[in-house]
Amino acid sequence: MSDCRFVHLKVHSDFSMINGLAKVKSLVKTAAANNMVAMGLTDFINFCGLVKFYGEALGAGIKPIIGADVYVRTESGNEDYFELTLLAKNNKGYHNITQILSKAYQQGYVEFRWWNVNG
């Protein structure tokens, strides 16, 4: 059977507390059963399931895509928050998301000023 060309990039596990119920192992097993070549785990404001996800995915022959969902607040602070999915392209992206999550976890949201959009 050929590989599935569709990849789930926004998946929440039970590490997303309110937004996810599925265990990482079960998510990866289902992805493998559906011939997925990759899968993104984007738990809400945390990387708590990252190590388990990375190991399970590689063990199942699935490329793990690292990410997280955050709430973002505009600079004016007058508008509602909006949800943004962050995906790491490489180790630098992983490091950048880690820095953002550290601040977001403390405040419950992300502010645009926390990162340099131009660089």
C-alpha atoms as a PDB file:
ATOM      1  CA  MET A   1       0.000   0.000   0.000  1.00  0.00           C
ATOM      2  CA  SER A   2       1.346   3.466  -0.851  1.00  0.00           C
ATOM      3  CA  ASP A   3       2.143   6.110   1.732  1.00  0.00           C
ATOM      4  CA  CYS A   4      -0.580   8.548   2.690  1.00  0.00           C
ATOM      5  CA  ARG A   5       0.070  12.008   1.251  1.00  0.00           C
ATOM      6  CA  PHE A   6      -1.921  13.745   3.988  1.00  0.00           C
ATOM      7  CA  VAL A   7      -0.159  14.680   7.225  1.00  0.00           C
ATOM      8  CA  HIS A   8      -1.860  15.748  10.442  1.00  0.00           C
ATOM      9  CA  LEU A   9       0.063  18.824  11.632  1.00  0.00           C
ATOM     10  CA  LYS A  10      -2.185  19.806  14.537  1.00  0.00           C
ATOM     11  CA  VAL A  11      -2.686  16.890  16.904  1.00  0.00           C
ATOM     12  CA  HIS A  12      -3.336  17.205  20.645  1.00  0.00           C
ATOM     13  CA  SER A  13      -2.557  14.394  23.060  1.00  0.00           C
ATOM     14  CA  ASP A  14      -3.591  13.937  26.673  1.00  0.00           C
ATOM     15  CA  PHE A  15      -0.747  16.353  27.504  1.00  0.00           C
ATOM     16  CA  SER A  16      -3.043  19.160  26.287  1.00  0.00           C
ATOM     17  CA  MET A  17      -5.088  18.610  29.452  1.00  0.00           C
ATOM     18  CA  ILE A  18      -8.468  19.950  28.229  1.00  0.00           C
ATOM     19  CA  ASN A  19      -7.996  19.745  24.451  1.00  0.00           C
ATOM     20  CA  GLY A  20      -6.834  16.157  24.050  1.00  0.00           C
ATOM     21  CA  LEU A  21      -7.661  12.745  25.437  1.00  0.00           C
ATOM     22  CA  ALA A  22      -5.629  10.336  23.310  1.00  0.00           C
ATOM     23  CA  LYS A  23      -2.356   8.864  24.510  1.00  0.00           C
ATOM     24  CA  VAL A  24       0.726   9.524  22.381  1.00  0.00           C
ATOM     25  CA  LYS A  25       1.294   5.812  21.756  1.00  0.00           C
ATOM     26  CA  SER A  26      -2.277   5.387  20.498  1.00  0.00           C
ATOM     27  CA  LEU A  27      -2.002   8.426  18.205  1.00  0.00           C
ATOM     28  CA  VAL A  28       1.207   7.135  16.620  1.00  0.00           C
ATOM     29  CA  LYS A  29      -0.206   3.619  16.293  1.00  0.00           C
ATOM     30  CA  THR A  30      -3.264   4.988  14.461  1.00  0.00           C
ATOM     31  CA  ALA A  31      -1.088   7.125  12.183  1.00  0.00           C
ATOM     32  CA  ALA A  32       1.055   4.086  11.335  1.00  0.00           C
ATOM     33  CA  ALA A  33      -2.031   1.960  10.667  1.00  0.00           C
ATOM     34  CA  ASN A  34      -3.156   4.620   8.182  1.00  0.00           C
ATOM     35  CA  ASN A  35       0.234   4.646   6.433  1.00  0.00           C
ATOM     36  CA  MET A  36       1.066   8.194   7.506  1.00  0.00           C
ATOM     37  CA  VAL A  37       4.667   9.145   6.739  1.00  0.00           C
ATOM     38  CA  ALA A  38       4.711  12.018   9.258  1.00  0.00           C
ATOM     39  CA  MET A  39       2.675  13.481  12.096  1.00  0.00           C
ATOM     40  CA  GLY A  40       2.792  16.724  14.043  1.00  0.00           C
ATOM     41  CA  LEU A  41       2.164  16.890  17.779  1.00  0.00           C
ATOM     42  CA  THR A  42       1.093  20.378  18.859  1.00  0.00           C
ATOM     43  CA  ASP A  43      -0.004  20.166  22.462  1.00  0.00           C
ATOM     44  CA  PHE A  44      -1.213  23.362  24.079  1.00  0.00           C
ATOM     45  CA  ILE A  45       1.623  25.494  25.517  1.00  0.00           C
ATOM     46  CA  ASN A  46       3.882  22.537  26.310  1.00  0.00           C
ATOM     47  CA  PHE A  47       6.337  19.946  25.057  1.00  0.00           C
ATOM     48  CA  CYS A  48       5.457  17.451  27.824  1.00  0.00           C
ATOM     49  CA  GLY A  49       4.746  14.616  25.376  1.00  0.00           C
ATOM     50  CA  LEU A  50       7.669  15.404  23.100  1.00  0.00           C
ATOM     51  CA  VAL A  51      10.144  12.710  24.181  1.00  0.00           C
ATOM     52  CA  LYS A  52       7.507   9.982  24.149  1.00  0.00           C
ATOM     53  CA  PHE A  53       6.138  11.179  20.786  1.00  0.00           C
ATOM     54  CA  TYR A  54       9.568  11.395  19.187  1.00  0.00           C
ATOM     55  CA  GLY A  55      10.521   7.868  20.250  1.00  0.00           C
ATOM     56  CA  GLU A  56       7.170   6.305  19.373  1.00  0.00           C
ATOM     57  CA  ALA A  57       7.050   8.005  15.966  1.00  0.00           C
ATOM     58  CA  LEU A  58      10.574   7.019  14.961  1.00  0.00           C
ATOM     59  CA  GLY A  59       9.921   3.478  16.173  1.00  0.00           C
ATOM     60  CA  ALA A  60       6.853   3.300  13.920  1.00  0.00           C
ATOM     61  CA  GLY A  61       8.683   4.730  10.900  1.00  0.00           C
ATOM     62  CA  ILE A  62       6.858   8.056  11.118  1.00  0.00           C
ATOM     63  CA  LYS A  63       8.626  11.413  10.859  1.00  0.00           C
ATOM     64  CA  PRO A  64       7.832  13.338  14.061  1.00  0.00           C
ATOM     65  CA  ILE A  65       6.989  17.003  13.509  1.00  0.00           C
ATOM     66  CA  ILE A  66       7.512  19.022  16.672  1.00  0.00           C
ATOM     67  CA  GLY A  67       5.187  21.890  17.497  1.00  0.00           C
ATOM     68  CA  ALA A  68       2.868  23.565  19.971  1.00  0.00           C
ATOM     69  CA  ASP A  69      -0.322  25.593  20.012  1.00  0.00           C
ATOM     70  CA  VAL A  70      -0.323  28.950  21.796  1.00  0.00           C
ATOM     71  CA  TYR A  71      -2.649  31.883  22.314  1.00  0.00           C
ATOM     72  CA  VAL A  72      -1.273  35.121  20.897  1.00  0.00           C
ATOM     73  CA  ARG A  73      -2.103  38.615  22.088  1.00  0.00           C
ATOM     74  CA  THR A  74      -1.658  41.618  19.805  1.00  0.00           C
ATOM     75  CA  GLU A  75       0.606  44.490  20.834  1.00  0.00           C
ATOM     76  CA  SER A  76      -2.352  46.736  21.646  1.00  0.00           C
ATOM     77  CA  GLY A  77      -3.733  44.124  24.024  1.00  0.00           C
ATOM     78  CA  ASN A  78      -7.266  45.316  23.250  1.00  0.00           C
ATOM     79  CA  GLU A  79      -8.204  42.504  20.889  1.00  0.00           C
ATOM     80  CA  ASP A  80      -9.106  38.944  21.727  1.00  0.00           C
ATOM     81  CA  TYR A  81      -6.394  36.330  21.757  1.00  0.00           C
ATOM     82  CA  PHE A  82      -6.056  34.093  18.739  1.00  0.00           C
ATOM     83  CA  GLU A  83      -4.650  30.586  18.515  1.00  0.00           C
ATOM     84  CA  LEU A  84      -1.446  29.991  16.579  1.00  0.00           C
ATOM     85  CA  THR A  85       0.227  26.680  15.753  1.00  0.00           C
ATOM     86  CA  LEU A  86       4.034  26.773  15.872  1.00  0.00           C
ATOM     87  CA  LEU A  87       5.999  24.068  14.015  1.00  0.00           C
ATOM     88  CA  ALA A  88       9.758  23.571  14.274  1.00  0.00           C
ATOM     89  CA  LYS A  89      11.547  23.298  10.937  1.00  0.00           C
ATOM     90  CA  ASN A  90      14.895  22.431  12.555  1.00  0.00           C
ATOM     91  CA  ASN A  91      16.822  22.565  15.857  1.00  0.00           C
ATOM     92  CA  LYS A  92      16.837  26.366  15.845  1.00  0.00           C
ATOM     93  CA  GLY A  93      13.060  26.359  15.430  1.00  0.00           C
ATOM     94  CA  TYR A  94      12.759  23.885  18.307  1.00  0.00           C
ATOM     95  CA  HIS A  95      14.885  26.154  20.497  1.00  0.00           C
ATOM     96  CA  ASN A  96      12.819  29.216  19.531  1.00  0.00           C
ATOM     97  CA  ILE A  97       9.544  27.470  20.336  1.00  0.00           C
ATOM     98  CA  THR A  98      10.996  26.315  23.663  1.00  0.00           C
ATOM     99  CA  GLN A  99      11.774  29.932  24.570  1.00  0.00           C
ATOM    100  CA  ILE A 100       8.297  31.081  23.552  1.00  0.00           C
ATOM    101  CA  LEU A 101       6.624  28.255  25.490  1.00  0.00           C
ATOM    102  CA  SER A 102       8.570  29.097  28.630  1.00  0.00           C
ATOM    103  CA  LYS A 103       7.168  32.628  28.601  1.00  0.00           C
ATOM    104  CA  ALA A 104       3.715  31.576  27.435  1.00  0.00           C
ATOM    105  CA  TYR A 105       3.412  28.965  30.171  1.00  0.00           C
ATOM    106  CA  GLN A 106       4.034  31.637  32.796  1.00  0.00           C
ATOM    107  CA  GLN A 107       1.521  34.135  31.364  1.00  0.00           C
ATOM    108  CA  GLY A 108      -0.966  31.945  29.490  1.00  0.00           C
ATOM    109  CA  TYR A 109      -0.437  33.692  26.157  1.00  0.00           C
ATOM    110  CA  VAL A 110       2.246  34.853  23.696  1.00  0.00           C
ATOM    111  CA  GLU A 111       3.035  38.449  22.772  1.00  0.00           C
ATOM    112  CA  PHE A 112       4.371  39.363  19.339  1.00  0.00           C
ATOM    113  CA  ARG A 113       7.173  41.409  20.888  1.00  0.00           C
ATOM    114  CA  TRP A 114       8.736  38.211  22.251  1.00  0.00           C
ATOM    115  CA  TRP A 115      10.284  37.390  18.919  1.00  0.00           C
ATOM    116  CA  ASN A 116      11.886  39.364  16.122  1.00  0.00           C
ATOM    117  CA  VAL A 117       9.661  39.002  13.070  1.00  0.00           C
ATOM    118  CA  ASN A 118      12.417  40.235  10.721  1.00  0.00           C
ATOM    119  CA  GLY A 119      15.147  37.921  11.882  1.00  0.00           C
END
